[in-house]
Amino acid sequence: MIVGVFLVVTASGVADAQKRKVAPEARQQWQFGVDMANRGLWSEALFRFEQARRIEPEHPKLLSNIAVAHEALGLFEEALNYYQQALRLAPRERDVRRNYSRFVEYYQNFKGNSAEEESGPGGPATAPALTDSSTAAPPVSGP
């Protein structure tokens, strides 16, 4: 049972897109996705982020937003994949790292609760850690 998920989807990625001279069509879809996410309409947000991604396929903050949308929809493996892509492109990007860190914390708790529910009382007390080196959170560094 999912009690609550804290996700961060902000317009800062849209502002970043403006700095990077992202195509106006991508920026428009991206902003619409952020608006939908803020309303809790995650399927629509994901659709809009994917539309922006077709135009700007390697923007780390956009990939992070796609990951957040997948996470909100309960599609955790897909979320992990997009977070990894975003981190490969921008390992020091603060927003990407923050979203990923929150995801890892939540995902570990979710996996632990699922394992406990499946095994019944006396099941694993802690969630399994994500051990693949490509999923390890990058070191935190200042701007």
N, C-alpha and C. Protein backbone atom coordinates (compact mmCIF):
# COMPACT_ATOMS: atom_id res chain seq x y z
N MET A 1 0.84 -1.18 0.00
CA MET A 1 0.00 0.00 0.00
C MET A 1 0.88 1.24 0.00
N ILE A 2 0.65 2.12 -0.93
CA ILE A 2 1.43 3.35 -1.01
C ILE A 2 0.72 4.41 -0.18
N VAL A 3 1.40 4.88 0.84
CA VAL A 3 0.81 5.89 1.72
C VAL A 3 0.96 7.27 1.13
N GLY A 4 2.13 7.58 0.64
CA GLY A 4 2.35 8.90 0.06
C GLY A 4 3.66 8.94 -0.67
N VAL A 5 3.71 9.77 -1.67
CA VAL A 5 4.93 9.93 -2.45
C VAL A 5 5.22 11.41 -2.53
N PHE A 6 6.44 11.78 -2.19
CA PHE A 6 6.85 13.17 -2.32
C PHE A 6 7.68 13.29 -3.58
N LEU A 7 7.18 14.02 -4.54
CA LEU A 7 7.87 14.17 -5.81
C LEU A 7 8.11 15.64 -6.09
N VAL A 8 9.18 15.90 -6.78
CA VAL A 8 9.51 17.27 -7.12
C VAL A 8 9.51 17.42 -8.63
N VAL A 9 8.54 18.12 -9.12
CA VAL A 9 8.52 18.51 -10.52
C VAL A 9 8.37 20.02 -10.48
N THR A 10 9.37 20.69 -10.97
CA THR A 10 9.33 22.14 -10.90
C THR A 10 9.46 22.75 -12.29
N ALA A 11 9.17 23.99 -12.35
CA ALA A 11 9.33 24.71 -13.60
C ALA A 11 10.78 25.10 -13.82
N SER A 12 11.67 24.80 -12.86
CA SER A 12 13.07 25.18 -13.04
C SER A 12 13.66 24.53 -14.28
N GLY A 13 13.19 23.34 -14.60
CA GLY A 13 13.65 22.70 -15.82
C GLY A 13 13.22 23.49 -17.04
N VAL A 14 12.05 24.08 -16.98
CA VAL A 14 11.58 24.89 -18.09
C VAL A 14 12.45 26.14 -18.21
N ALA A 15 12.78 26.77 -17.08
CA ALA A 15 13.65 27.94 -17.11
C ALA A 15 15.02 27.56 -17.66
N ASP A 16 15.52 26.38 -17.27
CA ASP A 16 16.79 25.89 -17.79
C ASP A 16 16.70 25.68 -19.30
N ALA A 17 15.55 25.18 -19.74
CA ALA A 17 15.36 24.95 -21.17
C ALA A 17 15.45 26.27 -21.93
N GLN A 18 14.93 27.34 -21.33
CA GLN A 18 15.01 28.63 -21.98
C GLN A 18 16.46 29.09 -22.08
N LYS A 19 17.28 28.84 -21.04
CA LYS A 19 18.69 29.22 -21.07
C LYS A 19 19.45 28.44 -22.13
N ARG A 20 19.10 27.18 -22.30
CA ARG A 20 19.80 26.31 -23.24
C ARG A 20 19.27 26.44 -24.65
N LYS A 21 18.35 27.34 -24.88
CA LYS A 21 17.76 27.55 -26.19
C LYS A 21 17.10 26.29 -26.73
N VAL A 22 16.26 25.72 -25.89
CA VAL A 22 15.47 24.56 -26.28
C VAL A 22 14.40 25.04 -27.25
N ALA A 23 14.08 24.21 -28.19
CA ALA A 23 13.07 24.56 -29.19
C ALA A 23 11.77 24.99 -28.51
N PRO A 24 11.14 26.01 -29.03
CA PRO A 24 9.90 26.51 -28.41
C PRO A 24 8.83 25.43 -28.26
N GLU A 25 8.74 24.52 -29.24
CA GLU A 25 7.73 23.45 -29.16
C GLU A 25 8.00 22.55 -27.96
N ALA A 26 9.27 22.24 -27.72
CA ALA A 26 9.63 21.41 -26.58
C ALA A 26 9.34 22.15 -25.28
N ARG A 27 9.70 23.42 -25.23
CA ARG A 27 9.47 24.23 -24.04
C ARG A 27 7.97 24.30 -23.72
N GLN A 28 7.14 24.44 -24.75
CA GLN A 28 5.69 24.51 -24.56
C GLN A 28 5.15 23.19 -24.00
N GLN A 29 5.57 22.07 -24.57
CA GLN A 29 5.13 20.76 -24.08
C GLN A 29 5.61 20.53 -22.64
N TRP A 30 6.86 20.91 -22.39
CA TRP A 30 7.46 20.74 -21.08
C TRP A 30 6.66 21.52 -20.03
N GLN A 31 6.36 22.78 -20.31
CA GLN A 31 5.61 23.61 -19.37
C GLN A 31 4.22 23.04 -19.14
N PHE A 32 3.61 22.57 -20.21
CA PHE A 32 2.28 21.97 -20.07
C PHE A 32 2.37 20.73 -19.17
N GLY A 33 3.43 19.94 -19.33
CA GLY A 33 3.64 18.78 -18.48
C GLY A 33 3.79 19.16 -17.02
N VAL A 34 4.54 20.21 -16.75
CA VAL A 34 4.71 20.69 -15.38
C VAL A 34 3.36 21.12 -14.81
N ASP A 35 2.58 21.84 -15.61
CA ASP A 35 1.26 22.27 -15.16
C ASP A 35 0.38 21.07 -14.82
N MET A 36 0.41 20.05 -15.68
CA MET A 36 -0.40 18.85 -15.43
C MET A 36 0.09 18.11 -14.18
N ALA A 37 1.39 18.03 -13.99
CA ALA A 37 1.94 17.38 -12.80
C ALA A 37 1.50 18.12 -11.54
N ASN A 38 1.53 19.43 -11.59
CA ASN A 38 1.12 20.21 -10.42
C ASN A 38 -0.36 20.01 -10.10
N ARG A 39 -1.14 19.59 -11.07
CA ARG A 39 -2.55 19.29 -10.86
C ARG A 39 -2.78 17.82 -10.50
N GLY A 40 -1.70 17.05 -10.50
CA GLY A 40 -1.83 15.63 -10.18
C GLY A 40 -2.25 14.77 -11.35
N LEU A 41 -2.22 15.32 -12.54
CA LEU A 41 -2.61 14.58 -13.75
C LEU A 41 -1.35 13.96 -14.38
N TRP A 42 -0.87 12.91 -13.76
CA TRP A 42 0.44 12.35 -14.09
C TRP A 42 0.51 11.69 -15.45
N SER A 43 -0.56 11.07 -15.89
CA SER A 43 -0.53 10.45 -17.22
C SER A 43 -0.37 11.53 -18.29
N GLU A 44 -1.11 12.61 -18.13
CA GLU A 44 -1.00 13.71 -19.09
C GLU A 44 0.36 14.37 -18.99
N ALA A 45 0.87 14.53 -17.77
CA ALA A 45 2.20 15.12 -17.60
C ALA A 45 3.24 14.27 -18.31
N LEU A 46 3.17 12.96 -18.11
CA LEU A 46 4.12 12.06 -18.77
C LEU A 46 4.02 12.18 -20.27
N PHE A 47 2.82 12.22 -20.79
CA PHE A 47 2.64 12.36 -22.24
C PHE A 47 3.31 13.64 -22.74
N ARG A 48 3.10 14.74 -22.05
CA ARG A 48 3.68 16.02 -22.48
C ARG A 48 5.20 16.01 -22.36
N PHE A 49 5.73 15.42 -21.29
CA PHE A 49 7.19 15.32 -21.15
C PHE A 49 7.77 14.47 -22.28
N GLU A 50 7.07 13.40 -22.64
CA GLU A 50 7.53 12.55 -23.74
C GLU A 50 7.49 13.31 -25.06
N GLN A 51 6.49 14.15 -25.25
CA GLN A 51 6.43 14.97 -26.47
C GLN A 51 7.62 15.92 -26.53
N ALA A 52 7.95 16.53 -25.41
CA ALA A 52 9.11 17.42 -25.36
C ALA A 52 10.40 16.63 -25.61
N ARG A 53 10.45 15.42 -25.09
CA ARG A 53 11.65 14.58 -25.25
C ARG A 53 11.87 14.20 -26.71
N ARG A 54 10.82 14.07 -27.48
CA ARG A 54 10.98 13.75 -28.91
C ARG A 54 11.77 14.87 -29.60
N ILE A 55 11.64 16.08 -29.10
CA ILE A 55 12.32 17.24 -29.68
C ILE A 55 13.69 17.44 -29.02
N GLU A 56 13.77 17.23 -27.73
CA GLU A 56 14.99 17.42 -26.93
C GLU A 56 15.31 16.11 -26.19
N PRO A 57 15.85 15.12 -26.88
CA PRO A 57 15.98 13.78 -26.29
C PRO A 57 17.00 13.64 -25.17
N GLU A 58 17.92 14.57 -25.02
CA GLU A 58 18.97 14.39 -24.02
C GLU A 58 19.06 15.53 -23.02
N HIS A 59 17.94 16.05 -22.63
CA HIS A 59 17.93 17.10 -21.62
C HIS A 59 17.74 16.44 -20.26
N PRO A 60 18.74 16.53 -19.36
CA PRO A 60 18.68 15.78 -18.10
C PRO A 60 17.50 16.15 -17.21
N LYS A 61 17.13 17.42 -17.13
CA LYS A 61 16.01 17.80 -16.27
C LYS A 61 14.69 17.29 -16.84
N LEU A 62 14.59 17.25 -18.13
CA LEU A 62 13.39 16.70 -18.76
C LEU A 62 13.32 15.19 -18.50
N LEU A 63 14.44 14.50 -18.63
CA LEU A 63 14.48 13.07 -18.32
C LEU A 63 14.14 12.82 -16.85
N SER A 64 14.59 13.70 -15.97
CA SER A 64 14.26 13.58 -14.56
C SER A 64 12.75 13.76 -14.35
N ASN A 65 12.15 14.70 -15.04
CA ASN A 65 10.70 14.89 -14.92
C ASN A 65 9.94 13.67 -15.44
N ILE A 66 10.45 13.06 -16.51
CA ILE A 66 9.83 11.83 -17.01
C ILE A 66 9.94 10.75 -15.95
N ALA A 67 11.07 10.67 -15.28
CA ALA A 67 11.25 9.70 -14.20
C ALA A 67 10.26 9.96 -13.07
N VAL A 68 10.10 11.21 -12.69
CA VAL A 68 9.18 11.57 -11.61
C VAL A 68 7.75 11.17 -11.99
N ALA A 69 7.38 11.40 -13.23
CA ALA A 69 6.03 11.03 -13.68
C ALA A 69 5.84 9.51 -13.61
N HIS A 70 6.85 8.77 -14.06
CA HIS A 70 6.76 7.30 -13.96
C HIS A 70 6.62 6.88 -12.49
N GLU A 71 7.40 7.51 -11.64
CA GLU A 71 7.34 7.19 -10.21
C GLU A 71 5.95 7.46 -9.66
N ALA A 72 5.37 8.59 -10.00
CA ALA A 72 4.04 8.95 -9.51
C ALA A 72 2.99 7.95 -9.99
N LEU A 73 3.23 7.36 -11.15
CA LEU A 73 2.30 6.38 -11.70
C LEU A 73 2.57 4.96 -11.20
N GLY A 74 3.59 4.82 -10.33
CA GLY A 74 3.91 3.51 -9.79
C GLY A 74 4.77 2.66 -10.69
N LEU A 75 5.34 3.26 -11.72
CA LEU A 75 6.18 2.54 -12.69
C LEU A 75 7.64 2.72 -12.28
N PHE A 76 8.05 2.03 -11.23
CA PHE A 76 9.33 2.28 -10.59
C PHE A 76 10.54 1.85 -11.42
N GLU A 77 10.45 0.76 -12.13
CA GLU A 77 11.58 0.33 -12.95
C GLU A 77 11.82 1.33 -14.07
N GLU A 78 10.75 1.82 -14.68
CA GLU A 78 10.88 2.83 -15.72
C GLU A 78 11.46 4.12 -15.14
N ALA A 79 11.00 4.49 -13.95
CA ALA A 79 11.51 5.69 -13.28
C ALA A 79 13.01 5.55 -13.06
N LEU A 80 13.43 4.41 -12.55
CA LEU A 80 14.85 4.19 -12.31
C LEU A 80 15.65 4.33 -13.60
N ASN A 81 15.15 3.78 -14.69
CA ASN A 81 15.83 3.88 -15.98
C ASN A 81 16.02 5.34 -16.40
N TYR A 82 14.97 6.14 -16.27
CA TYR A 82 15.08 7.55 -16.67
C TYR A 82 15.97 8.35 -15.73
N TYR A 83 15.90 8.04 -14.44
CA TYR A 83 16.82 8.72 -13.51
C TYR A 83 18.27 8.41 -13.88
N GLN A 84 18.55 7.17 -14.21
CA GLN A 84 19.91 6.79 -14.59
C GLN A 84 20.36 7.53 -15.84
N GLN A 85 19.48 7.65 -16.81
CA GLN A 85 19.81 8.40 -18.03
C GLN A 85 20.13 9.85 -17.69
N ALA A 86 19.30 10.45 -16.87
CA ALA A 86 19.50 11.86 -16.49
C ALA A 86 20.82 12.03 -15.75
N LEU A 87 21.13 11.11 -14.85
CA LEU A 87 22.37 11.21 -14.09
C LEU A 87 23.60 11.00 -14.97
N ARG A 88 23.49 10.15 -15.96
CA ARG A 88 24.62 9.98 -16.89
C ARG A 88 24.90 11.27 -17.66
N LEU A 89 23.85 11.99 -18.00
CA LEU A 89 24.01 13.23 -18.76
C LEU A 89 24.45 14.40 -17.89
N ALA A 90 24.02 14.41 -16.63
CA ALA A 90 24.32 15.55 -15.75
C ALA A 90 24.50 15.05 -14.32
N PRO A 91 25.61 14.40 -14.04
CA PRO A 91 25.80 13.83 -12.71
C PRO A 91 25.87 14.84 -11.58
N ARG A 92 26.12 16.09 -11.88
CA ARG A 92 26.22 17.10 -10.83
C ARG A 92 25.00 18.03 -10.77
N GLU A 93 24.00 17.77 -11.58
CA GLU A 93 22.82 18.63 -11.61
C GLU A 93 22.00 18.43 -10.32
N ARG A 94 21.86 19.51 -9.58
CA ARG A 94 21.24 19.46 -8.25
C ARG A 94 19.80 18.92 -8.28
N ASP A 95 18.96 19.41 -9.18
CA ASP A 95 17.57 18.96 -9.23
C ASP A 95 17.47 17.47 -9.58
N VAL A 96 18.30 17.03 -10.49
CA VAL A 96 18.30 15.62 -10.89
C VAL A 96 18.72 14.76 -9.72
N ARG A 97 19.79 15.15 -9.04
CA ARG A 97 20.27 14.38 -7.88
C ARG A 97 19.23 14.34 -6.77
N ARG A 98 18.58 15.47 -6.52
CA ARG A 98 17.58 15.55 -5.45
C ARG A 98 16.40 14.62 -5.76
N ASN A 99 15.89 14.68 -6.98
CA ASN A 99 14.78 13.80 -7.35
C ASN A 99 15.20 12.34 -7.23
N TYR A 100 16.39 12.03 -7.71
CA TYR A 100 16.88 10.65 -7.66
C TYR A 100 17.04 10.18 -6.21
N SER A 101 17.61 11.02 -5.37
CA SER A 101 17.81 10.65 -3.97
C SER A 101 16.49 10.35 -3.28
N ARG A 102 15.49 11.17 -3.53
CA ARG A 102 14.17 10.93 -2.95
C ARG A 102 13.57 9.64 -3.49
N PHE A 103 13.78 9.42 -4.77
CA PHE A 103 13.28 8.18 -5.37
C PHE A 103 13.92 6.96 -4.72
N VAL A 104 15.24 6.98 -4.57
CA VAL A 104 15.94 5.83 -3.98
C VAL A 104 15.42 5.55 -2.58
N GLU A 105 15.26 6.61 -1.79
CA GLU A 105 14.76 6.43 -0.42
C GLU A 105 13.36 5.81 -0.44
N TYR A 106 12.49 6.36 -1.26
CA TYR A 106 11.13 5.84 -1.35
C TYR A 106 11.13 4.41 -1.91
N TYR A 107 11.87 4.19 -2.97
CA TYR A 107 11.89 2.89 -3.64
C TYR A 107 12.41 1.80 -2.71
N GLN A 108 13.43 2.11 -1.95
CA GLN A 108 13.96 1.13 -1.00
C GLN A 108 12.90 0.78 0.04
N ASN A 109 12.19 1.78 0.54
CA ASN A 109 11.13 1.54 1.51
C ASN A 109 9.99 0.74 0.87
N PHE A 110 9.63 1.09 -0.35
CA PHE A 110 8.57 0.39 -1.07
C PHE A 110 8.95 -1.07 -1.27
N LYS A 111 10.17 -1.31 -1.75
CA LYS A 111 10.62 -2.69 -1.98
C LYS A 111 10.66 -3.46 -0.66
N GLY A 112 11.08 -2.81 0.41
CA GLY A 112 11.12 -3.46 1.71
C GLY A 112 9.73 -3.81 2.21
N ASN A 113 8.79 -2.88 2.04
CA ASN A 113 7.41 -3.14 2.47
C ASN A 113 6.79 -4.24 1.64
N SER A 114 7.07 -4.28 0.34
CA SER A 114 6.54 -5.32 -0.53
C SER A 114 7.09 -6.68 -0.13
N ALA A 115 8.38 -6.75 0.17
CA ALA A 115 9.00 -8.01 0.56
C ALA A 115 8.42 -8.49 1.89
N GLU A 116 8.19 -7.55 2.81
CA GLU A 116 7.62 -7.90 4.11
C GLU A 116 6.20 -8.41 3.95
N GLU A 117 5.40 -7.75 3.09
CA GLU A 117 4.03 -8.19 2.87
C GLU A 117 4.01 -9.58 2.25
N GLU A 118 4.92 -9.86 1.31
CA GLU A 118 4.97 -11.15 0.65
C GLU A 118 5.43 -12.25 1.59
N SER A 119 6.38 -11.94 2.47
CA SER A 119 6.92 -12.97 3.34
C SER A 119 6.17 -13.06 4.67
N GLY A 120 5.28 -12.12 4.94
CA GLY A 120 4.50 -12.15 6.17
C GLY A 120 5.31 -11.63 7.34
N PRO A 121 4.77 -11.81 8.55
CA PRO A 121 5.48 -11.34 9.75
C PRO A 121 6.85 -11.99 9.85
N GLY A 122 7.79 -11.23 10.32
CA GLY A 122 9.15 -11.76 10.44
C GLY A 122 9.92 -11.66 9.15
N GLY A 123 9.34 -10.98 8.15
CA GLY A 123 10.03 -10.81 6.87
C GLY A 123 11.20 -9.88 7.03
N PRO A 124 11.84 -9.50 5.93
CA PRO A 124 13.01 -8.64 6.02
C PRO A 124 12.70 -7.34 6.75
N ALA A 125 13.60 -6.95 7.64
CA ALA A 125 13.40 -5.74 8.43
C ALA A 125 13.82 -4.50 7.65
N THR A 126 14.71 -4.66 6.69
CA THR A 126 15.17 -3.51 5.92
C THR A 126 15.01 -3.78 4.44
N ALA A 127 14.90 -2.70 3.70
CA ALA A 127 14.76 -2.83 2.27
C ALA A 127 16.09 -3.17 1.64
N PRO A 128 16.08 -3.92 0.55
CA PRO A 128 17.34 -4.21 -0.12
C PRO A 128 17.90 -2.93 -0.74
N ALA A 129 19.19 -2.79 -0.69
CA ALA A 129 19.84 -1.61 -1.26
C ALA A 129 20.00 -1.80 -2.76
N LEU A 130 19.95 -0.71 -3.47
CA LEU A 130 20.26 -0.75 -4.90
C LEU A 130 21.77 -0.82 -5.00
N THR A 131 22.28 -1.94 -5.47
CA THR A 131 23.71 -2.16 -5.41
C THR A 131 24.43 -1.94 -6.73
N ASP A 132 23.72 -1.92 -7.82
CA ASP A 132 24.37 -1.69 -9.11
C ASP A 132 25.08 -0.35 -9.07
N SER A 133 26.34 -0.33 -9.43
CA SER A 133 27.12 0.91 -9.31
C SER A 133 26.53 2.03 -10.15
N SER A 134 25.82 1.71 -11.21
CA SER A 134 25.25 2.77 -12.03
C SER A 134 24.04 3.42 -11.35
N THR A 135 23.52 2.79 -10.27
CA THR A 135 22.37 3.38 -9.59
C THR A 135 22.77 4.11 -8.32
N ALA A 136 24.04 4.08 -7.97
CA ALA A 136 24.49 4.77 -6.77
C ALA A 136 24.34 6.27 -6.96
N ALA A 137 23.86 6.93 -5.91
CA ALA A 137 23.69 8.38 -5.99
C ALA A 137 25.05 9.04 -6.15
N PRO A 138 25.16 10.00 -7.05
CA PRO A 138 26.43 10.68 -7.25
C PRO A 138 26.78 11.51 -6.03
N PRO A 139 28.05 11.81 -5.84
CA PRO A 139 28.43 12.61 -4.69
C PRO A 139 27.80 14.01 -4.77
N VAL A 140 27.43 14.50 -3.61
CA VAL A 140 26.83 15.82 -3.54
C VAL A 140 27.95 16.85 -3.62
N SER A 141 27.79 17.82 -4.48
CA SER A 141 28.79 18.87 -4.60
C SER A 141 28.08 20.21 -4.72
N GLY A 142 28.76 21.23 -4.33
CA GLY A 142 28.21 22.57 -4.41
C GLY A 142 28.18 23.07 -5.84
N PRO A 143 27.51 24.18 -6.03
CA PRO A 143 27.41 24.74 -7.40
C PRO A 143 28.74 25.20 -7.94
